[in-house]
């Protein structure tokens, strides 16, 4: 999540995503296996790398697509605002301090 928030381009995201996936796959998973937290049957820790990289990239792509669609719809909504269709309501003029003396009964 931090990688997504602090990177602006796909190139930066891919680089830092690769670093994070490598740390997890080559650092944390072997530690988990060593302490018997995780047991890998017919699976090597290196197999996690492409899978996690693909999941993170897909999540970024979907998020950016949704942001793009939201901004596009927001722009379209501004172009078709209801303020041009309906006139502004007329407002009652406020009384000034000079008019207050005239209304005394």
Protein backbone atom coordinates (compact mmCIF):
# COMPACT_ATOMS: atom_id res chain seq x y z
CA UNK A 1 0.00 0.00 0.00
CA UNK A 2 2.81 2.40 0.78
CA UNK A 3 4.41 1.63 -2.57
CA UNK A 4 1.19 2.57 -4.34
CA UNK A 5 0.84 5.80 -2.38
CA UNK A 6 4.40 7.05 -2.80
CA UNK A 7 5.01 6.22 -6.46
CA UNK A 8 3.72 8.30 -9.34
CA UNK A 9 4.67 6.27 -12.40
CA UNK A 10 4.41 2.64 -13.39
CA UNK A 11 8.19 2.45 -13.65
CA UNK A 12 8.69 3.55 -10.05
CA UNK A 13 5.88 1.28 -8.89
CA UNK A 14 7.32 -1.73 -10.70
CA UNK A 15 10.80 -1.16 -9.30
CA UNK A 16 9.67 -0.79 -5.68
CA UNK A 17 7.13 -3.57 -6.05
CA UNK A 18 9.91 -5.86 -7.26
CA UNK A 19 12.05 -4.88 -4.26
CA UNK A 20 9.21 -5.52 -1.79
CA UNK A 21 8.23 -8.83 -3.39
CA UNK A 22 11.87 -9.93 -3.38
CA UNK A 23 12.27 -9.09 0.31
CA UNK A 24 9.12 -11.04 1.11
CA UNK A 25 9.82 -14.04 -1.12
CA UNK A 26 13.54 -14.37 -0.50
CA UNK A 27 13.69 -13.06 3.07
CA UNK A 28 10.49 -13.53 5.02
CA UNK A 29 9.15 -16.77 3.53
CA UNK A 30 12.36 -18.73 4.24
CA UNK A 31 12.29 -17.40 7.82
CA UNK A 32 8.67 -18.52 8.17
CA UNK A 33 9.60 -21.97 6.82
CA UNK A 34 12.61 -22.21 9.15
CA UNK A 35 10.49 -21.54 12.23
CA UNK A 36 7.74 -23.89 10.97
CA UNK A 37 5.22 -21.08 10.68
CA UNK A 38 4.61 -22.04 7.06
CA UNK A 39 5.09 -25.39 5.38
CA UNK A 40 5.63 -25.37 1.63
CA UNK A 41 4.70 -28.61 -0.14
CA UNK A 42 5.94 -28.77 -3.75
CA UNK A 43 6.42 -25.01 -3.65
CA UNK A 44 9.52 -22.90 -3.50
CA UNK A 45 9.68 -19.45 -2.01
CA UNK A 46 10.78 -18.04 -5.38
CA UNK A 47 7.36 -18.98 -6.80
CA UNK A 48 5.78 -16.24 -4.73
CA UNK A 49 7.55 -13.49 -6.69
CA UNK A 50 5.63 -13.46 -9.98
CA UNK A 51 2.33 -14.17 -8.27
CA UNK A 52 2.63 -11.32 -5.76
CA UNK A 53 4.01 -8.97 -8.41
CA UNK A 54 1.04 -9.70 -10.67
CA UNK A 55 -1.50 -9.26 -7.86
CA UNK A 56 -0.02 -5.88 -6.83
CA UNK A 57 0.14 -4.68 -10.45
CA UNK A 58 -3.45 -5.74 -11.08
CA UNK A 59 -4.59 -3.95 -7.92
CA UNK A 60 -2.82 -0.76 -9.05
CA UNK A 61 -4.31 -1.01 -12.54
CA UNK A 62 -7.85 -1.44 -11.21
CA UNK A 63 -7.43 1.41 -8.73
CA UNK A 64 -6.08 3.79 -11.38
CA UNK A 65 -8.91 2.80 -13.72
CA UNK A 66 -11.51 3.54 -11.06
CA UNK A 67 -9.88 6.90 -10.26
CA UNK A 68 -9.88 7.78 -13.97
CA UNK A 69 -13.57 6.85 -14.33
CA UNK A 70 -14.50 8.84 -11.24
CA UNK A 71 -12.69 11.96 -12.47
CA UNK A 72 -14.23 11.62 -15.93
CA UNK A 73 -17.73 11.36 -14.50
CA UNK A 74 -17.06 14.27 -12.14
CA UNK A 75 -15.99 16.43 -15.09
CA UNK A 76 -19.06 15.41 -17.07
CA UNK A 77 -21.29 16.23 -14.11
CA UNK A 78 -19.81 19.72 -13.89
CA UNK A 79 -20.52 20.34 -17.56
CA UNK A 80 -24.14 19.30 -17.08
CA UNK A 81 -24.93 21.13 -13.90
CA UNK A 82 -28.49 22.03 -13.03
CA UNK A 83 -27.63 25.66 -12.32
CA UNK A 84 -28.03 26.54 -16.01
CA UNK A 85 -31.42 24.88 -16.20
CA UNK A 86 -33.05 26.59 -13.24
CA UNK A 87 -32.73 30.27 -12.40
CA UNK A 88 -31.43 31.29 -9.01
CA UNK A 89 -34.21 32.01 -6.53
CA UNK A 90 -35.07 35.63 -5.87
CA UNK A 91 -34.02 36.82 -2.46
CA UNK A 92 -35.86 39.25 -0.26
CA UNK A 93 -33.87 42.46 0.15
CA UNK A 94 -32.52 43.04 3.61
CA UNK A 95 -33.48 46.08 5.61
CA UNK A 96 -30.89 48.76 6.10
CA UNK A 97 -30.43 50.74 9.31
CA UNK A 98 -32.27 53.76 7.79
CA UNK A 99 -35.38 51.66 7.09
CA UNK A 100 -35.57 50.37 10.66
CA UNK A 101 -36.67 53.74 12.02
CA UNK A 102 -39.56 53.93 9.57
CA UNK A 103 -41.10 50.65 10.75
CA UNK A 104 -41.64 51.72 14.35
CA UNK A 105 -45.29 51.67 15.37
